Amino acid sequence: MKTNIVLIGLSGVGKTTIAMELSRVLNMPYIDSDTVIEEDYGSIPELFKIGEGHFRQIERKVIKLLSSLDRIIIATGGGVVLVPENIEALREKGILFYIKRSIEDIINSIDASKRPLLKGNPIENLNNLYTQRSHLYEDASDYTIDASNMQDAISSIRSIWDKIS
């Protein structure tokens, strides 16, 4: 039986915000994989300075650990889908929800300076990431959730979870 809710999607789409609210309404703990990485290994921008490959190795370890837990909500980093092993691990106990929002909404709600892959021209970079990753999110997910309205997105996930858990 699947016991975890896993949120995937672009950086800044609202995965952590949704996870926090789901945690409250479902009485399940949430864990943000990027927060775990930063607490255990250092800031993500600093890890990216060493190299994206280095960061992805650390992310893979953290995802493997989080995937072994039961009855949690996991908010993943935007690039988690780049490593097939991550998706395999998350699927073992998790239902994967692809959180989707317009690029404009994302840009208006984030601080791009804290997101290494968005530095420079955030709109162009986010569009490029969307083009590169959207099919990976779609292939990995069990459900796609429109998060243009956060409360509607939370209600949709809760409704699906209530039916399958």
N, C-alpha and C. Protein backbone atom coordinates (compact mmCIF):
# COMPACT_ATOMS: atom_id res chain seq x y z
N MET A 1 0.83 -1.19 0.00
CA MET A 1 0.00 0.00 0.00
C MET A 1 0.87 1.25 0.00
N LYS A 2 0.44 2.24 -0.74
CA LYS A 2 1.16 3.51 -0.82
C LYS A 2 0.82 4.34 0.41
N THR A 3 1.84 4.81 1.11
CA THR A 3 1.60 5.55 2.35
C THR A 3 2.08 7.00 2.30
N ASN A 4 2.77 7.38 1.23
CA ASN A 4 3.34 8.72 1.16
C ASN A 4 2.74 9.54 0.02
N ILE A 5 2.66 10.83 0.26
CA ILE A 5 2.29 11.80 -0.78
C ILE A 5 3.59 12.44 -1.23
N VAL A 6 3.85 12.43 -2.54
CA VAL A 6 5.08 13.00 -3.08
C VAL A 6 4.70 14.09 -4.08
N LEU A 7 5.27 15.28 -3.88
CA LEU A 7 5.00 16.41 -4.75
C LEU A 7 6.21 16.68 -5.63
N ILE A 8 5.99 16.67 -6.96
CA ILE A 8 7.05 16.95 -7.92
C ILE A 8 6.61 18.13 -8.78
N GLY A 9 7.57 18.80 -9.39
CA GLY A 9 7.27 19.93 -10.26
C GLY A 9 8.43 20.91 -10.27
N LEU A 10 8.29 21.93 -11.11
CA LEU A 10 9.34 22.92 -11.26
C LEU A 10 9.67 23.62 -9.95
N SER A 11 10.87 24.13 -9.89
CA SER A 11 11.30 24.96 -8.78
C SER A 11 10.37 26.16 -8.65
N GLY A 12 9.89 26.42 -7.45
CA GLY A 12 9.05 27.58 -7.21
C GLY A 12 7.58 27.40 -7.48
N VAL A 13 7.16 26.20 -7.84
CA VAL A 13 5.76 25.97 -8.21
C VAL A 13 4.82 25.96 -6.99
N GLY A 14 5.39 25.77 -5.80
CA GLY A 14 4.56 25.77 -4.59
C GLY A 14 4.50 24.44 -3.87
N LYS A 15 5.42 23.55 -4.16
CA LYS A 15 5.40 22.21 -3.55
C LYS A 15 5.48 22.28 -2.02
N THR A 16 6.38 23.10 -1.51
CA THR A 16 6.54 23.20 -0.06
C THR A 16 5.33 23.84 0.59
N THR A 17 4.79 24.88 -0.02
CA THR A 17 3.59 25.54 0.51
C THR A 17 2.43 24.55 0.58
N ILE A 18 2.25 23.79 -0.49
CA ILE A 18 1.18 22.78 -0.53
C ILE A 18 1.44 21.69 0.52
N ALA A 19 2.69 21.25 0.63
CA ALA A 19 3.04 20.21 1.60
C ALA A 19 2.74 20.65 3.03
N MET A 20 3.05 21.90 3.34
CA MET A 20 2.78 22.40 4.70
C MET A 20 1.29 22.38 5.02
N GLU A 21 0.48 22.82 4.07
CA GLU A 21 -0.96 22.86 4.31
C GLU A 21 -1.55 21.45 4.34
N LEU A 22 -1.10 20.57 3.44
CA LEU A 22 -1.55 19.18 3.48
C LEU A 22 -1.19 18.53 4.81
N SER A 23 -0.02 18.84 5.30
CA SER A 23 0.42 18.30 6.59
C SER A 23 -0.57 18.67 7.68
N ARG A 24 -1.02 19.90 7.66
CA ARG A 24 -1.97 20.37 8.67
C ARG A 24 -3.32 19.68 8.53
N VAL A 25 -3.85 19.63 7.30
CA VAL A 25 -5.21 19.09 7.13
C VAL A 25 -5.27 17.56 7.19
N LEU A 26 -4.18 16.89 6.84
CA LEU A 26 -4.17 15.43 6.85
C LEU A 26 -3.49 14.85 8.10
N ASN A 27 -2.94 15.74 8.91
CA ASN A 27 -2.24 15.31 10.11
C ASN A 27 -1.12 14.31 9.79
N MET A 28 -0.33 14.67 8.78
CA MET A 28 0.83 13.88 8.37
C MET A 28 2.03 14.82 8.36
N PRO A 29 3.20 14.36 8.80
CA PRO A 29 4.37 15.24 8.73
C PRO A 29 4.80 15.45 7.28
N TYR A 30 5.40 16.61 7.02
CA TYR A 30 5.95 16.84 5.69
C TYR A 30 7.45 17.06 5.81
N ILE A 31 8.15 16.70 4.76
CA ILE A 31 9.59 16.90 4.69
C ILE A 31 9.91 17.47 3.32
N ASP A 32 10.69 18.54 3.30
CA ASP A 32 11.16 19.13 2.05
C ASP A 32 12.56 18.59 1.79
N SER A 33 12.75 17.89 0.68
CA SER A 33 14.05 17.26 0.43
C SER A 33 15.17 18.29 0.33
N ASP A 34 14.89 19.47 -0.23
CA ASP A 34 15.92 20.51 -0.32
C ASP A 34 16.33 21.00 1.07
N THR A 35 15.38 21.09 1.98
CA THR A 35 15.68 21.51 3.36
C THR A 35 16.59 20.48 4.03
N VAL A 36 16.30 19.20 3.83
CA VAL A 36 17.15 18.14 4.40
C VAL A 36 18.56 18.26 3.83
N ILE A 37 18.66 18.47 2.53
CA ILE A 37 19.98 18.62 1.89
C ILE A 37 20.73 19.79 2.52
N GLU A 38 20.06 20.93 2.66
CA GLU A 38 20.73 22.11 3.22
C GLU A 38 21.14 21.90 4.68
N GLU A 39 20.29 21.24 5.45
CA GLU A 39 20.61 21.00 6.87
C GLU A 39 21.78 20.03 7.02
N ASP A 40 21.86 19.04 6.14
CA ASP A 40 22.88 18.00 6.28
C ASP A 40 24.16 18.25 5.48
N TYR A 41 24.05 19.00 4.36
CA TYR A 41 25.20 19.11 3.45
C TYR A 41 25.62 20.54 3.13
N GLY A 42 24.80 21.53 3.43
CA GLY A 42 25.14 22.92 3.11
C GLY A 42 24.16 23.50 2.10
N SER A 43 24.34 24.78 1.82
CA SER A 43 23.39 25.47 0.95
C SER A 43 23.42 24.92 -0.47
N ILE A 44 22.27 24.92 -1.09
CA ILE A 44 22.16 24.39 -2.45
C ILE A 44 23.01 25.20 -3.43
N PRO A 45 23.00 26.55 -3.37
CA PRO A 45 23.89 27.30 -4.27
C PRO A 45 25.36 26.90 -4.11
N GLU A 46 25.80 26.67 -2.87
CA GLU A 46 27.19 26.25 -2.65
C GLU A 46 27.45 24.86 -3.22
N LEU A 47 26.49 23.96 -3.06
CA LEU A 47 26.64 22.61 -3.61
C LEU A 47 26.69 22.65 -5.13
N PHE A 48 25.90 23.53 -5.74
CA PHE A 48 25.91 23.67 -7.19
C PHE A 48 27.23 24.25 -7.69
N LYS A 49 27.89 25.06 -6.86
CA LYS A 49 29.20 25.59 -7.25
C LYS A 49 30.20 24.46 -7.43
N ILE A 50 30.07 23.42 -6.62
CA ILE A 50 30.93 22.24 -6.76
C ILE A 50 30.57 21.52 -8.05
N GLY A 51 29.30 21.53 -8.39
CA GLY A 51 28.83 20.91 -9.63
C GLY A 51 27.44 20.33 -9.46
N GLU A 52 26.65 20.39 -10.54
CA GLU A 52 25.31 19.84 -10.46
C GLU A 52 25.34 18.34 -10.20
N GLY A 53 26.33 17.64 -10.76
CA GLY A 53 26.45 16.20 -10.52
C GLY A 53 26.64 15.88 -9.05
N HIS A 54 27.45 16.70 -8.38
CA HIS A 54 27.67 16.53 -6.94
C HIS A 54 26.36 16.70 -6.19
N PHE A 55 25.61 17.75 -6.54
CA PHE A 55 24.32 17.99 -5.90
C PHE A 55 23.38 16.82 -6.13
N ARG A 56 23.31 16.31 -7.37
CA ARG A 56 22.38 15.21 -7.68
C ARG A 56 22.73 13.94 -6.91
N GLN A 57 24.02 13.69 -6.66
CA GLN A 57 24.42 12.52 -5.85
C GLN A 57 23.87 12.65 -4.43
N ILE A 58 24.00 13.84 -3.86
CA ILE A 58 23.49 14.08 -2.51
C ILE A 58 21.97 13.94 -2.51
N GLU A 59 21.33 14.54 -3.51
CA GLU A 59 19.87 14.47 -3.60
C GLU A 59 19.40 13.01 -3.67
N ARG A 60 20.11 12.19 -4.43
CA ARG A 60 19.75 10.77 -4.56
C ARG A 60 19.79 10.07 -3.20
N LYS A 61 20.82 10.35 -2.40
CA LYS A 61 20.91 9.77 -1.05
C LYS A 61 19.73 10.19 -0.19
N VAL A 62 19.41 11.48 -0.23
CA VAL A 62 18.32 12.01 0.60
C VAL A 62 16.99 11.42 0.16
N ILE A 63 16.75 11.34 -1.15
CA ILE A 63 15.49 10.78 -1.66
C ILE A 63 15.36 9.31 -1.26
N LYS A 64 16.45 8.57 -1.33
CA LYS A 64 16.41 7.16 -0.92
C LYS A 64 16.00 7.04 0.55
N LEU A 65 16.57 7.90 1.39
CA LEU A 65 16.24 7.89 2.82
C LEU A 65 14.78 8.27 3.04
N LEU A 66 14.34 9.38 2.45
CA LEU A 66 12.96 9.84 2.65
C LEU A 66 11.95 8.82 2.13
N SER A 67 12.29 8.17 1.04
CA SER A 67 11.39 7.18 0.43
C SER A 67 11.17 5.96 1.32
N SER A 68 12.07 5.74 2.24
CA SER A 68 11.95 4.57 3.12
C SER A 68 11.00 4.84 4.29
N LEU A 69 10.63 6.10 4.50
CA LEU A 69 9.74 6.46 5.61
C LEU A 69 8.29 6.18 5.25
N ASP A 70 7.44 6.13 6.27
CA ASP A 70 6.01 5.86 6.06
C ASP A 70 5.16 7.02 6.51
N ARG A 71 4.07 7.22 5.78
CA ARG A 71 3.05 8.21 6.11
C ARG A 71 3.59 9.62 6.25
N ILE A 72 4.30 10.05 5.20
CA ILE A 72 4.82 11.41 5.16
C ILE A 72 4.46 12.07 3.83
N ILE A 73 4.57 13.38 3.83
CA ILE A 73 4.41 14.17 2.61
C ILE A 73 5.80 14.66 2.24
N ILE A 74 6.23 14.37 1.02
CA ILE A 74 7.57 14.75 0.58
C ILE A 74 7.44 15.82 -0.51
N ALA A 75 8.03 16.99 -0.25
CA ALA A 75 8.16 18.03 -1.27
C ALA A 75 9.56 17.89 -1.84
N THR A 76 9.65 17.59 -3.13
CA THR A 76 10.95 17.32 -3.75
C THR A 76 11.50 18.57 -4.43
N GLY A 77 12.79 18.52 -4.73
CA GLY A 77 13.41 19.57 -5.53
C GLY A 77 12.97 19.43 -6.98
N GLY A 78 13.06 20.52 -7.72
CA GLY A 78 12.58 20.53 -9.11
C GLY A 78 13.27 19.54 -10.03
N GLY A 79 14.53 19.20 -9.73
CA GLY A 79 15.27 18.31 -10.61
C GLY A 79 15.25 16.85 -10.21
N VAL A 80 14.43 16.50 -9.25
CA VAL A 80 14.40 15.12 -8.76
C VAL A 80 14.11 14.12 -9.88
N VAL A 81 13.36 14.55 -10.89
CA VAL A 81 12.98 13.65 -11.99
C VAL A 81 14.12 13.37 -12.96
N LEU A 82 15.23 14.08 -12.82
CA LEU A 82 16.36 13.88 -13.73
C LEU A 82 17.10 12.57 -13.47
N VAL A 83 16.88 11.99 -12.30
CA VAL A 83 17.55 10.74 -11.93
C VAL A 83 16.47 9.66 -11.78
N PRO A 84 16.38 8.74 -12.75
CA PRO A 84 15.33 7.71 -12.70
C PRO A 84 15.29 6.94 -11.38
N GLU A 85 16.44 6.73 -10.77
CA GLU A 85 16.51 6.03 -9.48
C GLU A 85 15.68 6.76 -8.41
N ASN A 86 15.64 8.09 -8.48
CA ASN A 86 14.83 8.86 -7.52
C ASN A 86 13.35 8.51 -7.66
N ILE A 87 12.89 8.48 -8.90
CA ILE A 87 11.46 8.21 -9.14
C ILE A 87 11.12 6.79 -8.72
N GLU A 88 12.00 5.85 -9.02
CA GLU A 88 11.76 4.46 -8.59
C GLU A 88 11.63 4.38 -7.07
N ALA A 89 12.51 5.06 -6.36
CA ALA A 89 12.47 5.04 -4.89
C ALA A 89 11.19 5.70 -4.38
N LEU A 90 10.84 6.85 -4.93
CA LEU A 90 9.65 7.58 -4.47
C LEU A 90 8.37 6.79 -4.74
N ARG A 91 8.34 6.04 -5.84
CA ARG A 91 7.15 5.25 -6.21
C ARG A 91 6.91 4.05 -5.29
N GLU A 92 7.96 3.57 -4.64
CA GLU A 92 7.80 2.38 -3.80
C GLU A 92 6.69 2.55 -2.77
N LYS A 93 6.64 3.71 -2.11
CA LYS A 93 5.62 3.95 -1.09
C LYS A 93 4.79 5.18 -1.37
N GLY A 94 5.05 5.84 -2.49
CA GLY A 94 4.41 7.13 -2.71
C GLY A 94 3.49 7.22 -3.91
N ILE A 95 2.50 8.09 -3.77
CA ILE A 95 1.68 8.54 -4.88
C ILE A 95 2.28 9.87 -5.32
N LEU A 96 2.63 9.99 -6.59
CA LEU A 96 3.31 11.18 -7.08
C LEU A 96 2.33 12.15 -7.74
N PHE A 97 2.36 13.38 -7.25
CA PHE A 97 1.51 14.46 -7.76
C PHE A 97 2.40 15.49 -8.45
N TYR A 98 2.15 15.71 -9.72
CA TYR A 98 2.86 16.73 -10.49
C TYR A 98 2.13 18.05 -10.27
N ILE A 99 2.79 18.98 -9.60
CA ILE A 99 2.22 20.29 -9.31
C ILE A 99 2.59 21.23 -10.46
N LYS A 100 1.57 21.79 -11.09
CA LYS A 100 1.76 22.59 -12.30
C LYS A 100 1.21 24.00 -12.09
N ARG A 101 1.97 25.00 -12.54
CA ARG A 101 1.55 26.41 -12.50
C ARG A 101 2.16 27.13 -13.68
N SER A 102 1.58 28.25 -14.06
CA SER A 102 2.14 29.00 -15.19
C SER A 102 3.50 29.59 -14.80
N ILE A 103 4.36 29.75 -15.79
CA ILE A 103 5.68 30.34 -15.58
C ILE A 103 5.53 31.72 -14.95
N GLU A 104 4.57 32.50 -15.42
CA GLU A 104 4.35 33.86 -14.90
C GLU A 104 4.03 33.82 -13.41
N ASP A 105 3.15 32.91 -13.00
CA ASP A 105 2.80 32.79 -11.58
C ASP A 105 4.02 32.40 -10.75
N ILE A 106 4.81 31.49 -11.27
CA ILE A 106 6.01 31.07 -10.54
C ILE A 106 6.97 32.24 -10.37
N ILE A 107 7.26 32.94 -11.45
CA ILE A 107 8.19 34.08 -11.41
C ILE A 107 7.73 35.13 -10.41
N ASN A 108 6.43 35.37 -10.36
CA ASN A 108 5.90 36.40 -9.46
C ASN A 108 5.94 35.99 -7.99
N SER A 109 6.18 34.72 -7.71
CA SER A 109 6.11 34.26 -6.32
C SER A 109 7.44 33.79 -5.74
N ILE A 110 8.53 33.87 -6.51
CA ILE A 110 9.80 33.33 -6.00
C ILE A 110 10.88 34.40 -5.94
N ASP A 111 11.93 34.07 -5.19
CA ASP A 111 13.16 34.85 -5.17
C ASP A 111 14.18 34.05 -5.98
N ALA A 112 14.36 34.43 -7.24
CA ALA A 112 15.21 33.67 -8.16
C ALA A 112 16.67 33.62 -7.69
N SER A 113 17.09 34.59 -6.88
CA SER A 113 18.48 34.61 -6.42
C SER A 113 18.81 33.42 -5.52
N LYS A 114 17.79 32.80 -4.94
CA LYS A 114 18.01 31.65 -4.06
C LYS A 114 17.92 30.33 -4.82
N ARG A 115 17.72 30.41 -6.13
CA ARG A 115 17.55 29.19 -6.93
C ARG A 115 18.61 29.18 -8.03
N PRO A 116 19.65 28.36 -7.85
CA PRO A 116 20.82 28.40 -8.74
C PRO A 116 20.50 28.25 -10.23
N LEU A 117 19.53 27.43 -10.58
CA LEU A 117 19.25 27.20 -12.00
C LEU A 117 18.43 28.32 -12.62
N LEU A 118 17.98 29.30 -11.82
CA LEU A 118 17.17 30.39 -12.36
C LEU A 118 17.93 31.71 -12.44
N LYS A 119 19.18 31.74 -11.99
CA LYS A 119 19.94 32.99 -11.99
C LYS A 119 20.12 33.52 -13.41
N GLY A 120 20.29 34.82 -13.51
CA GLY A 120 20.46 35.46 -14.81
C GLY A 120 19.13 35.93 -15.33
N ASN A 121 18.55 35.15 -16.24
CA ASN A 121 17.25 35.48 -16.82
C ASN A 121 16.23 34.44 -16.33
N PRO A 122 15.57 34.70 -15.20
CA PRO A 122 14.69 33.68 -14.61
C PRO A 122 13.58 33.20 -15.53
N ILE A 123 12.96 34.10 -16.30
CA ILE A 123 11.86 33.67 -17.17
C ILE A 123 12.36 32.72 -18.24
N GLU A 124 13.45 33.09 -18.89
CA GLU A 124 14.02 32.23 -19.94
C GLU A 124 14.49 30.90 -19.34
N ASN A 125 15.16 30.97 -18.19
CA ASN A 125 15.66 29.75 -17.56
C ASN A 125 14.52 28.82 -17.14
N LEU A 126 13.46 29.40 -16.59
CA LEU A 126 12.31 28.59 -16.16
C LEU A 126 11.61 27.97 -17.37
N ASN A 127 11.48 28.75 -18.45
CA ASN A 127 10.90 28.20 -19.68
C ASN A 127 11.73 27.04 -20.21
N ASN A 128 13.06 27.19 -20.17
CA ASN A 128 13.94 26.11 -20.63
C ASN A 128 13.79 24.87 -19.75
N LEU A 129 13.75 25.08 -18.43
CA LEU A 129 13.57 23.94 -17.52
C LEU A 129 12.23 23.25 -17.77
N TYR A 130 11.19 24.05 -18.00
CA TYR A 130 9.87 23.47 -18.28
C TYR A 130 9.93 22.61 -19.55
N THR A 131 10.56 23.14 -20.59
CA THR A 131 10.67 22.40 -21.85
C THR A 131 11.44 21.09 -21.65
N GLN A 132 12.51 21.15 -20.87
CA GLN A 132 13.34 19.96 -20.65
C GLN A 132 12.67 18.93 -19.74
N ARG A 133 11.88 19.39 -18.78
CA ARG A 133 11.42 18.49 -17.72
C ARG A 133 9.94 18.14 -17.74
N SER A 134 9.11 18.89 -18.44
CA SER A 134 7.66 18.67 -18.32
C SER A 134 7.27 17.23 -18.64
N HIS A 135 7.87 16.64 -19.67
CA HIS A 135 7.53 15.25 -19.99
C HIS A 135 8.00 14.28 -18.90
N LEU A 136 9.10 14.62 -18.22
CA LEU A 136 9.57 13.77 -17.12
C LEU A 136 8.61 13.81 -15.94
N TYR A 137 8.11 15.02 -15.63
CA TYR A 137 7.11 15.14 -14.55
C TYR A 137 5.85 14.36 -14.91
N GLU A 138 5.40 14.52 -16.15
CA GLU A 138 4.17 13.84 -16.59
C GLU A 138 4.33 12.32 -16.54
N ASP A 139 5.48 11.84 -17.02
CA ASP A 139 5.73 10.39 -17.02
C ASP A 139 5.83 9.83 -15.60
N ALA A 140 6.40 10.60 -14.70
CA ALA A 140 6.63 10.12 -13.33
C ALA A 140 5.39 10.18 -12.46
N SER A 141 4.47 11.09 -12.77
CA SER A 141 3.36 11.36 -11.85
C SER A 141 2.20 10.39 -12.01
N ASP A 142 1.50 10.22 -10.90
CA ASP A 142 0.23 9.49 -10.91
C ASP A 142 -0.92 10.44 -11.20
N TYR A 143 -0.77 11.69 -10.77
CA TYR A 143 -1.80 12.72 -10.95
C TYR A 143 -1.13 14.05 -11.26
N THR A 144 -1.78 14.86 -12.09
CA THR A 144 -1.33 16.22 -12.36
C THR A 144 -2.31 17.17 -11.69
N ILE A 145 -1.76 18.13 -10.95
CA ILE A 145 -2.57 19.07 -10.17
C ILE A 145 -2.28 20.49 -10.64
N ASP A 146 -3.33 21.20 -11.05
CA ASP A 146 -3.21 22.61 -11.42
C ASP A 146 -3.14 23.43 -10.14
N ALA A 147 -2.03 24.14 -9.95
CA ALA A 147 -1.84 24.92 -8.72
C ALA A 147 -1.96 26.42 -8.97
N SER A 148 -2.71 26.81 -10.00
CA SER A 148 -2.92 28.25 -10.21
C SER A 148 -3.68 28.84 -9.03
N ASN A 149 -4.47 28.01 -8.36
CA ASN A 149 -5.11 28.38 -7.10
C ASN A 149 -4.67 27.34 -6.06
N MET A 150 -3.88 27.79 -5.10
CA MET A 150 -3.30 26.86 -4.13
C MET A 150 -4.35 26.09 -3.33
N GLN A 151 -5.41 26.76 -2.89
CA GLN A 151 -6.44 26.08 -2.10
C GLN A 151 -7.14 24.99 -2.92
N ASP A 152 -7.39 25.28 -4.20
CA ASP A 152 -8.00 24.26 -5.06
C ASP A 152 -7.05 23.07 -5.24
N ALA A 153 -5.76 23.37 -5.38
CA ALA A 153 -4.77 22.30 -5.54
C ALA A 153 -4.73 21.41 -4.30
N ILE A 154 -4.73 22.04 -3.14
CA ILE A 154 -4.71 21.30 -1.87
C ILE A 154 -5.97 20.45 -1.74
N SER A 155 -7.11 21.03 -2.08
CA SER A 155 -8.38 20.28 -2.01
C SER A 155 -8.37 19.09 -2.96
N SER A 156 -7.83 19.28 -4.16
CA SER A 156 -7.76 18.19 -5.14
C SER A 156 -6.91 17.04 -4.63
N ILE A 157 -5.74 17.37 -4.09
CA ILE A 157 -4.85 16.33 -3.58
C ILE A 157 -5.51 15.62 -2.40
N ARG A 158 -6.11 16.39 -1.52
CA ARG A 158 -6.77 15.80 -0.35
C ARG A 158 -7.89 14.85 -0.79
N SER A 159 -8.67 15.27 -1.76
CA SER A 159 -9.78 14.45 -2.25
C SER A 159 -9.27 13.13 -2.84
N ILE A 160 -8.23 13.22 -3.65
CA ILE A 160 -7.64 12.01 -4.24
C ILE A 160 -7.08 11.11 -3.14
N TRP A 161 -6.35 11.71 -2.20
CA TRP A 161 -5.74 10.94 -1.11
C TRP A 161 -6.79 10.24 -0.27
N ASP A 162 -7.88 10.95 0.03
CA ASP A 162 -8.95 10.35 0.84
C ASP A 162 -9.56 9.13 0.15
N LYS A 163 -9.61 9.15 -1.18
CA LYS A 163 -10.20 8.03 -1.92
C LYS A 163 -9.27 6.82 -1.99
N ILE A 164 -7.96 7.08 -2.02
CA ILE A 164 -7.03 5.96 -2.25
C ILE A 164 -6.32 5.48 -0.98
N SER A 165 -6.42 6.23 0.09
CA SER A 165 -5.67 5.81 1.29
C SER A 165 -6.56 5.08 2.28
